[in-house]
C-alpha cells in the first residue's frame, strides 16, 4: 500500500508518517512538504491514500485535491485541518475527500479510518482481479470456439453459436500472418497477437487468434468495408505494411468475405497455399467452458440470464450448452440459476434491512409475486417467514 502524507509542518507530517508505519510496517509511506511537491509524487507513483493538510503555503490542499484527482481517480483522500469551518469540509467532500479530520490528529481516529479504507481497497482489488479473470476466461472461450469451428471446416457446426462474430465481422477480410523467426514463447504469442490487433485497429476493427506454432489469423473489418463490401489495393498494402513493422513474417490476405459462413473454407485455403499445417481439431474442454459460464452467471445473476444468452457468451449452440451444463454440474441450467439467486436472497434477507421487494430486485426478480412463489417452492417458507426465523439483529 502506498501512502502520501502532505503537510507544511514537519512535526505533524513526520508524526503521521511514524504513526502509520508503526501500525503498518509493510506499507510504503512518502511525505511532501507542499502541494507542489505532492503533485510531482502523484505524477510518478500510484498512491492508494493521500493524507493532506488543507491550508498550506502556495498550493492549498483543496487545489491539490482537485488536480490530483484527475491524475488518479482511485486515490482515497483524507483532509486534515485546524479549521472546523463547515465550508472547508463541504468543499473537500465535494472535491472527493473521504474524510475530514481536525487537528490535533487523534491516532485512534486516524488508524480506524485507515483500517476501513484498507478493507475497502482490498475488496476493490479482489473485484478487479475477479473481473479480469472472468474477462480472460471469456476471451479463451471465444478463441477456442473460433479455432475449433475453423478446424472442423463446417460453417454450420452443431456445437457452435458464432452470431456475435457474425454481427461484428460480416463482411470482413481474413489476414494470415506466419512468423519467420525462432519459435515463439507463450509471452511472445500474447504480445504479438495484441500488436497485430492494435496495428490494424487504427484503420477499422480487428481481432487476432493464434492458431498454432507461428501462425496467426486476424479478422478485419471497417465501416467502409461494411458499406461497400469492397476493399481496394491500397488497403491491402497498408495492412501488410502495418504487420511487417512487427518483424519478418509471411502474410496472406483474402478478398472480402461477404458471408461469415465462408470463413472456414477461405482460411483453410490460405493455410494450404502457404503450406502451413492446419490446426488439429480438439473439442472444447467441457469443464473450462462451463466454468467460464458459471463465472459469468455468478457475476450477472441479477440480470436477465436466458440460457440462449449465456450459451452465446461462450459461443455454443443453446441445445449443446444445456446438455453440457447438466453433464458437468449435475443440475439443469434453470435450476442452477434459481438456486444461485435464492442463496443470494437468503443472505440479503438475514443480513440487510432491505424490503422483500428490494431483495427480489437485487437478485434478478422484478415481479415480487413470482419471486415469492419460487422462494416458497424451494425453501418451504415465504421470504418474510425465512427472515423472521433467521434474522440477524442489527444494533
Protein backbone atom coordinates (compact mmCIF):
# COMPACT_ATOMS: atom_id res chain seq x y z
CA UNK A 1 0.00 0.00 0.00
CA UNK A 2 1.43 3.42 -1.00
CA UNK A 3 0.61 6.35 1.31
CA UNK A 4 1.43 10.03 0.85
CA UNK A 5 1.38 12.47 3.80
CA UNK A 6 1.33 16.15 2.83
CA UNK A 7 1.77 18.92 5.42
CA UNK A 8 3.98 22.01 5.60
CA UNK A 9 4.56 21.41 9.33
CA UNK A 10 7.28 18.76 9.57
CA UNK A 11 6.34 17.70 13.09
CA UNK A 12 2.80 16.81 12.02
CA UNK A 13 3.96 15.34 8.70
CA UNK A 14 6.58 13.10 10.30
CA UNK A 15 4.33 12.24 13.23
CA UNK A 16 1.53 11.00 10.98
CA UNK A 17 4.02 9.03 8.89
CA UNK A 18 5.53 7.39 12.02
CA UNK A 19 2.10 6.50 13.38
CA UNK A 20 1.10 4.77 10.15
CA UNK A 21 4.45 3.00 9.77
CA UNK A 22 4.24 1.65 13.33
CA UNK A 23 0.83 0.07 12.71
CA UNK A 24 1.50 -0.88 9.08
CA UNK A 25 5.25 -1.67 8.78
CA UNK A 26 4.78 -3.16 5.30
CA UNK A 27 3.21 -0.03 3.83
CA UNK A 28 5.34 2.45 1.89
CA UNK A 29 5.00 5.95 3.33
CA UNK A 30 6.05 9.06 1.39
CA UNK A 31 5.95 12.63 2.69
CA UNK A 32 5.73 16.01 0.96
CA UNK A 33 6.05 19.48 2.48
CA UNK A 34 3.85 21.26 -0.08
CA UNK A 35 1.08 20.75 -2.59
CA UNK A 36 3.52 21.31 -5.44
CA UNK A 37 5.88 18.61 -4.16
CA UNK A 38 2.94 16.24 -3.66
CA UNK A 39 1.75 16.80 -7.22
CA UNK A 40 5.15 15.69 -8.54
CA UNK A 41 4.87 12.49 -6.50
CA UNK A 42 1.36 11.86 -7.82
CA UNK A 43 2.70 12.05 -11.36
CA UNK A 44 5.08 9.12 -10.87
CA UNK A 45 3.63 6.94 -8.08
CA UNK A 46 0.21 5.27 -7.79
CA UNK A 47 -0.90 6.13 -4.27
CA UNK A 48 -3.75 4.37 -2.52
CA UNK A 49 -4.28 7.02 0.17
CA UNK A 50 -3.25 10.69 0.46
CA UNK A 51 -3.44 12.42 3.85
CA UNK A 52 -3.03 16.18 3.49
CA UNK A 53 -3.35 19.49 5.29
CA UNK A 54 -5.95 21.75 3.76
CA UNK A 55 -4.12 25.04 4.48
CA UNK A 56 -0.57 25.21 3.09
CA UNK A 57 1.54 28.00 1.55
CA UNK A 58 1.33 28.04 -2.24
CA UNK A 59 -0.92 25.27 -3.48
CA UNK A 60 -3.66 24.57 -0.95
CA UNK A 61 -4.94 21.13 -0.06
CA UNK A 62 -8.15 21.81 -1.98
CA UNK A 63 -6.17 22.74 -5.10
CA UNK A 64 -4.07 19.59 -4.72
CA UNK A 65 -7.21 17.52 -4.31
CA UNK A 66 -8.74 19.00 -7.48
CA UNK A 67 -5.65 18.48 -9.62
CA UNK A 68 -4.57 15.18 -8.08
CA UNK A 69 -7.97 13.59 -8.62
CA UNK A 70 -7.51 13.93 -12.38
CA UNK A 71 -4.18 12.05 -12.22
CA UNK A 72 -5.51 9.11 -10.21
CA UNK A 73 -9.24 8.63 -9.66
CA UNK A 74 -8.67 5.68 -7.29
CA UNK A 75 -6.92 7.65 -4.54
CA UNK A 76 -8.66 7.93 -1.17
CA UNK A 77 -8.12 11.49 0.10
CA UNK A 78 -8.10 12.33 3.82
CA UNK A 79 -8.07 16.03 4.71
CA UNK A 80 -6.61 17.28 8.00
CA UNK A 81 -7.10 20.83 9.16
CA UNK A 82 -7.01 23.19 12.13
CA UNK A 83 -10.18 24.82 10.78
CA UNK A 84 -13.57 23.49 11.82
CA UNK A 85 -15.27 25.79 9.29
CA UNK A 86 -18.06 23.79 7.65
CA UNK A 87 -17.37 25.40 4.27
CA UNK A 88 -13.86 23.89 4.16
CA UNK A 89 -15.21 20.43 4.93
CA UNK A 90 -18.05 20.85 2.46
CA UNK A 91 -15.65 21.81 -0.34
CA UNK A 92 -13.26 18.98 0.50
CA UNK A 93 -16.05 16.39 0.39
CA UNK A 94 -17.39 17.87 -2.86
CA UNK A 95 -13.95 17.57 -4.44
CA UNK A 96 -13.72 13.90 -3.45
CA UNK A 97 -12.26 13.72 0.08
CA UNK A 98 -13.28 10.62 2.04
CA UNK A 99 -12.94 12.21 5.47
CA UNK A 100 -12.10 15.48 7.22
CA UNK A 101 -10.04 15.28 10.42
CA UNK A 102 -9.41 18.22 12.75
CA UNK A 103 -6.04 18.93 14.35
CA UNK A 104 -4.69 17.79 16.71
CA UNK A 105 -4.97 14.44 14.95
CA UNK A 106 -6.17 11.64 17.20
CA UNK A 107 -4.18 8.49 16.47
CA UNK A 108 -7.10 6.10 17.16
CA UNK A 109 -9.33 8.05 14.76
CA UNK A 110 -6.66 8.01 12.03
CA UNK A 111 -5.91 4.29 12.40
CA UNK A 112 -9.62 3.41 12.47
CA UNK A 113 -10.13 5.33 9.22
CA UNK A 114 -7.10 3.67 7.58
CA UNK A 115 -8.38 0.24 8.61
CA UNK A 116 -11.73 0.94 6.92
CA UNK A 117 -10.01 2.18 3.77
CA UNK A 118 -7.71 -0.84 3.72
CA UNK A 119 -10.71 -3.19 3.75
CA UNK A 120 -12.38 -1.16 1.01
CA UNK A 121 -9.25 -1.14 -1.17
CA UNK A 122 -8.69 -4.88 -0.72
CA UNK A 123 -12.31 -5.59 -1.68
CA UNK A 124 -11.97 -3.43 -4.79
CA UNK A 125 -8.74 -5.21 -5.75
CA UNK A 126 -10.48 -8.57 -5.34
CA UNK A 127 -13.37 -7.48 -7.58
CA UNK A 128 -10.92 -6.06 -10.14
CA UNK A 129 -8.92 -9.31 -10.22
CA UNK A 130 -12.11 -11.37 -10.42
CA UNK A 131 -13.40 -9.31 -13.35
CA UNK A 132 -10.03 -9.56 -15.11
CA UNK A 133 -10.04 -13.33 -14.66
CA UNK A 134 -13.60 -13.54 -16.00
CA UNK A 135 -12.63 -11.32 -18.96
CA UNK A 136 -9.67 -13.60 -19.76
CA UNK A 137 -11.83 -16.74 -19.48
CA UNK A 138 -14.37 -15.27 -21.91
CA UNK A 139 -11.56 -14.44 -24.35
CA UNK A 140 -10.28 -18.02 -24.09
CA UNK A 141 -13.77 -19.38 -24.79
CA UNK A 142 -14.02 -17.10 -27.83
CA UNK A 143 -10.66 -18.25 -29.18
CA UNK A 144 -11.35 -21.94 -28.55
CA UNK A 145 -14.74 -21.81 -30.25
CA UNK A 146 -13.35 -19.99 -33.29
CA UNK A 147 -10.35 -22.29 -33.68
CA UNK A 148 -12.45 -25.43 -33.44
CA UNK A 149 -15.00 -24.02 -35.87
CA UNK A 150 -12.19 -23.34 -38.36
CA UNK A 151 -10.59 -26.75 -37.84
CA UNK A 152 -13.94 -28.52 -38.31
CA UNK A 153 -14.31 -26.83 -41.73
CA UNK A 154 -18.05 -26.94 -41.14
CA UNK A 155 -19.74 -23.50 -41.34
CA UNK A 156 -22.87 -24.91 -39.66
CA UNK A 157 -21.27 -27.00 -36.90
CA UNK A 158 -23.98 -28.01 -34.44
CA UNK A 159 -21.92 -27.18 -31.34
CA UNK A 160 -21.22 -23.52 -32.01
CA UNK A 161 -23.08 -20.24 -31.99
CA UNK A 162 -20.97 -17.60 -33.75
CA UNK A 163 -23.67 -14.94 -34.10
CA UNK A 164 -21.53 -12.49 -32.12
CA UNK A 165 -18.68 -12.94 -34.60
CA UNK A 166 -21.07 -12.60 -37.50
CA UNK A 167 -22.51 -9.33 -36.21
CA UNK A 168 -19.03 -7.95 -35.63
CA UNK A 169 -17.15 -9.24 -38.68
CA UNK A 170 -19.54 -9.65 -41.58
CA UNK A 171 -18.28 -8.75 -44.10
CA UNK A 172 -14.58 -8.98 -43.32
CA UNK A 173 -11.21 -9.95 -44.68
CA UNK A 174 -9.02 -12.60 -43.06
CA UNK A 175 -5.31 -11.94 -42.65
CA UNK A 176 -2.91 -14.86 -42.18
CA UNK A 177 0.40 -13.98 -40.50
CA UNK A 178 3.12 -16.66 -40.37
CA UNK A 179 6.16 -15.61 -38.34
CA UNK A 180 9.55 -16.30 -39.96
CA UNK A 181 11.73 -16.31 -36.84
CA UNK A 182 12.74 -18.64 -33.97
CA UNK A 183 9.84 -20.35 -32.12
CA UNK A 184 7.60 -18.05 -30.12
CA UNK A 185 7.29 -18.30 -26.35
CA UNK A 186 3.87 -18.05 -24.70
CA UNK A 187 4.63 -14.45 -23.76
CA UNK A 188 5.65 -13.68 -27.37
CA UNK A 189 2.37 -15.13 -28.65
CA UNK A 190 0.23 -12.92 -26.37
CA UNK A 191 2.29 -9.83 -27.17
CA UNK A 192 2.29 -10.41 -30.92
CA UNK A 193 -1.46 -11.10 -31.01
CA UNK A 194 -2.07 -7.79 -29.25
CA UNK A 195 0.35 -5.93 -31.51
CA UNK A 196 -1.23 -7.22 -34.73
CA UNK A 197 -4.67 -6.26 -33.46
CA UNK A 198 -3.51 -2.82 -32.31
CA UNK A 199 -1.85 -2.05 -35.64
CA UNK A 200 -4.97 -2.92 -37.65
CA UNK A 201 -7.38 -1.28 -35.20
CA UNK A 202 -6.00 2.05 -36.41
CA UNK A 203 -7.96 1.52 -39.63
CA UNK A 204 -11.02 -0.39 -38.51
CA UNK A 205 -11.85 -3.27 -36.18
CA UNK A 206 -9.59 -6.29 -35.79
CA UNK A 207 -9.37 -9.47 -33.74
CA UNK A 208 -6.46 -11.92 -33.73
CA UNK A 209 -6.23 -15.56 -32.74
CA UNK A 210 -3.10 -17.71 -32.52
CA UNK A 211 -3.71 -20.98 -34.39
CA UNK A 212 -0.57 -22.93 -33.57
CA UNK A 213 3.19 -22.62 -33.67
CA UNK A 214 3.99 -19.49 -35.70
CA UNK A 215 0.60 -18.77 -37.27
CA UNK A 216 -1.97 -16.07 -36.51
CA UNK A 217 -5.32 -15.32 -38.12
CA UNK A 218 -6.77 -11.82 -37.89
CA UNK A 219 -10.29 -10.82 -38.86
CA UNK A 220 -10.54 -7.22 -40.04
CA UNK A 221 -13.49 -5.03 -40.95
CA UNK A 222 -14.25 -1.32 -41.15
CA UNK A 223 -17.23 0.96 -41.72
CA UNK A 224 -16.33 1.47 -45.38
CA UNK A 225 -15.92 -2.28 -45.88
CA UNK A 226 -19.35 -2.92 -44.36
CA UNK A 227 -20.92 -0.29 -46.59
CA UNK A 228 -19.25 -1.19 -49.91
CA UNK A 229 -18.20 -4.82 -49.31
CA UNK A 230 -15.13 -3.87 -51.37
CA UNK A 231 -11.53 -3.18 -50.46
CA UNK A 232 -9.01 -1.51 -52.76
CA UNK A 233 -5.36 -2.41 -53.35
CA UNK A 234 -4.10 0.44 -51.16
CA UNK A 235 -5.87 -1.09 -48.16
CA UNK A 236 -4.17 -4.45 -48.75
CA UNK A 237 -0.79 -2.70 -48.96
CA UNK A 238 -1.49 -0.71 -45.81
CA UNK A 239 -2.46 -3.86 -43.85
CA UNK A 240 0.73 -5.62 -44.97
CA UNK A 241 2.89 -2.62 -44.06
CA UNK A 242 1.34 -2.35 -40.61
CA UNK A 243 2.02 -6.02 -39.85
CA UNK A 244 5.54 -6.10 -41.32
CA UNK A 245 6.52 -3.35 -38.89
CA UNK A 246 6.36 -6.05 -36.19
CA UNK A 247 9.05 -8.24 -37.78
CA UNK A 248 9.82 -10.64 -40.58
CA UNK A 249 6.70 -12.60 -41.49
CA UNK A 250 4.79 -14.18 -44.36
CA UNK A 251 1.38 -12.55 -44.97
CA UNK A 252 -1.65 -13.58 -46.99
CA UNK A 253 -4.90 -11.60 -47.16
CA UNK A 254 -8.21 -12.89 -48.50
CA UNK A 255 -10.59 -10.97 -50.69
CA UNK A 256 -13.67 -9.64 -48.90
CA UNK A 257 -15.63 -12.47 -47.30
CA UNK A 258 -19.29 -11.46 -47.66
CA UNK A 259 -20.74 -14.25 -45.53
CA UNK A 260 -19.18 -15.36 -42.25
CA UNK A 261 -20.02 -18.99 -43.08
CA UNK A 262 -17.39 -18.92 -45.85
CA UNK A 263 -14.55 -18.19 -43.44
CA UNK A 264 -13.51 -21.81 -42.63
CA UNK A 265 -13.10 -22.53 -46.34
CA UNK A 266 -11.17 -19.29 -47.04
CA UNK A 267 -8.88 -19.67 -44.06
CA UNK A 268 -8.10 -23.29 -44.84
CA UNK A 269 -7.35 -22.30 -48.44
CA UNK A 270 -4.79 -19.80 -47.14
CA UNK A 271 -3.20 -22.44 -44.93
CA UNK A 272 -2.94 -24.76 -47.95
CA UNK A 273 -1.40 -22.04 -50.14
CA UNK A 274 1.27 -21.29 -47.55
CA UNK A 275 1.90 -24.97 -46.75
CA UNK A 276 1.10 -24.31 -43.11
CA UNK A 277 -0.19 -27.24 -41.02
CA UNK A 278 -3.91 -27.00 -40.31
CA UNK A 279 -4.91 -26.64 -36.67
CA UNK A 280 -5.79 -30.01 -35.20
CA UNK A 281 -9.40 -30.47 -34.21
CA UNK A 282 -9.60 -30.63 -30.43
CA UNK A 283 -13.01 -30.30 -28.86
CA UNK A 284 -13.54 -27.65 -26.24
CA UNK A 285 -12.66 -28.61 -22.69
CA UNK A 286 -16.16 -29.05 -21.28
CA UNK A 287 -15.07 -28.14 -17.77
CA UNK A 288 -13.37 -24.91 -18.89
CA UNK A 289 -16.39 -23.77 -20.89
CA UNK A 290 -18.89 -24.47 -18.13
CA UNK A 291 -16.57 -22.92 -15.51
CA UNK A 292 -16.47 -19.77 -17.63
CA UNK A 293 -20.26 -19.77 -17.98
CA UNK A 294 -20.70 -20.22 -14.22
CA UNK A 295 -18.30 -17.36 -13.50
CA UNK A 296 -20.37 -15.18 -15.82
CA UNK A 297 -23.64 -16.25 -14.18
CA UNK A 298 -22.26 -15.54 -10.68
CA UNK A 299 -21.20 -12.07 -11.81
CA UNK A 300 -24.51 -11.24 -13.55
CA UNK A 301 -27.15 -13.21 -11.63
CA UNK A 302 -29.20 -10.01 -11.19
CA UNK A 303 -29.58 -9.67 -14.98
CA UNK A 304 -31.82 -11.39 -17.49
CA UNK A 305 -29.92 -14.67 -17.88
CA UNK A 306 -31.65 -16.73 -20.50
CA UNK A 307 -29.98 -19.97 -21.46
CA UNK A 308 -29.60 -18.64 -25.01
CA UNK A 309 -27.78 -15.53 -23.78
CA UNK A 310 -25.25 -17.40 -21.62
CA UNK A 311 -24.70 -20.04 -24.32
CA UNK A 312 -23.89 -17.22 -26.76
CA UNK A 313 -21.42 -15.75 -24.26
CA UNK A 314 -19.31 -18.92 -24.61
CA UNK A 315 -20.15 -19.28 -28.35
CA UNK A 316 -22.06 -22.55 -28.05
CA UNK A 317 -25.38 -23.67 -29.51
CA UNK A 318 -28.07 -23.48 -26.76
CA UNK A 319 -29.06 -27.15 -27.01
CA UNK A 320 -25.45 -28.36 -26.79
CA UNK A 321 -24.72 -25.88 -23.98
CA UNK A 322 -27.74 -27.09 -21.99
CA UNK A 323 -26.66 -30.74 -22.30
CA UNK A 324 -23.08 -29.90 -21.39
CA UNK A 325 -24.12 -27.77 -18.40
CA UNK A 326 -26.21 -30.55 -16.87
CA UNK A 327 -23.50 -33.13 -17.54
CA UNK A 328 -20.83 -31.06 -15.76
CA UNK A 329 -22.84 -29.53 -12.88
CA UNK A 330 -25.45 -32.24 -12.34
CA UNK A 331 -28.15 -29.53 -12.49
CA UNK A 332 -30.29 -28.10 -15.23
CA UNK A 333 -29.36 -24.54 -16.22
CA UNK A 334 -32.63 -23.02 -14.97
CA UNK A 335 -32.45 -24.80 -11.60
CA UNK A 336 -28.84 -23.68 -11.18
CA UNK A 337 -29.69 -20.01 -11.72
CA UNK A 338 -32.71 -20.19 -9.41
CA UNK A 339 -30.64 -21.77 -6.64
CA UNK A 340 -27.89 -19.15 -7.01
CA UNK A 341 -30.41 -16.30 -6.84
CA UNK A 342 -32.20 -17.76 -3.84
CA UNK A 343 -28.91 -18.29 -2.00
CA UNK A 344 -28.13 -14.60 -2.52
CA UNK A 345 -31.68 -13.66 -1.46
CA UNK A 346 -31.32 -15.62 1.79
CA UNK A 347 -28.14 -13.73 2.65
CA UNK A 348 -29.80 -10.38 1.99
CA UNK A 349 -32.90 -11.29 3.96
CA UNK A 350 -30.97 -12.10 7.13
CA UNK A 351 -28.12 -9.54 6.90
CA UNK A 352 -29.75 -6.42 5.46
CA UNK A 353 -32.62 -4.04 6.15
CA UNK A 354 -33.85 -4.20 2.55
CA UNK A 355 -37.55 -4.71 1.95
CA UNK A 356 -38.52 -8.05 0.39
CA UNK A 357 -39.35 -6.34 -2.91
CA UNK A 358 -35.88 -4.76 -2.92
CA UNK A 359 -34.25 -8.12 -2.22
CA UNK A 360 -36.19 -9.62 -5.12
CA UNK A 361 -34.97 -6.90 -7.47
CA UNK A 362 -31.37 -7.28 -6.35
CA UNK A 363 -31.32 -10.98 -7.17
CA UNK A 364 -32.96 -10.65 -10.57
CA UNK A 365 -36.73 -10.77 -9.98
CA UNK A 366 -38.73 -7.71 -10.98
CA UNK A 367 -42.02 -9.44 -10.07
CA UNK A 368 -42.39 -9.81 -6.28
CA UNK A 369 -45.18 -12.34 -6.59
CA UNK A 370 -43.11 -14.55 -8.89
CA UNK A 371 -40.11 -14.29 -6.54
CA UNK A 372 -42.25 -15.24 -3.53
CA UNK A 373 -43.73 -18.25 -5.34
CA UNK A 374 -40.30 -19.57 -6.34
CA UNK A 375 -38.84 -18.91 -2.89
CA UNK A 376 -41.67 -20.71 -1.11
CA UNK A 377 -41.50 -23.65 -3.52
CA UNK A 378 -37.77 -24.19 -2.92
CA UNK A 379 -37.33 -23.08 0.70
CA UNK A 380 -40.77 -24.12 2.00
CA UNK A 381 -41.14 -20.66 3.56
CA UNK A 382 -42.08 -17.24 2.27
CA UNK A 383 -39.24 -14.67 2.21
CA UNK A 384 -40.77 -12.88 5.21
CA UNK A 385 -41.09 -16.13 7.19
CA UNK A 386 -37.49 -17.03 6.35
CA UNK A 387 -36.32 -13.60 7.53
CA UNK A 388 -38.25 -13.89 10.81
CA UNK A 389 -36.75 -17.29 11.58
CA UNK A 390 -33.18 -16.40 10.67
CA UNK A 391 -32.91 -12.63 11.22
CA UNK A 392 -29.53 -11.30 12.37
CA UNK A 393 -30.24 -8.48 14.80
CA UNK A 394 -28.56 -5.20 13.81
CA UNK A 395 -27.52 -2.90 16.58
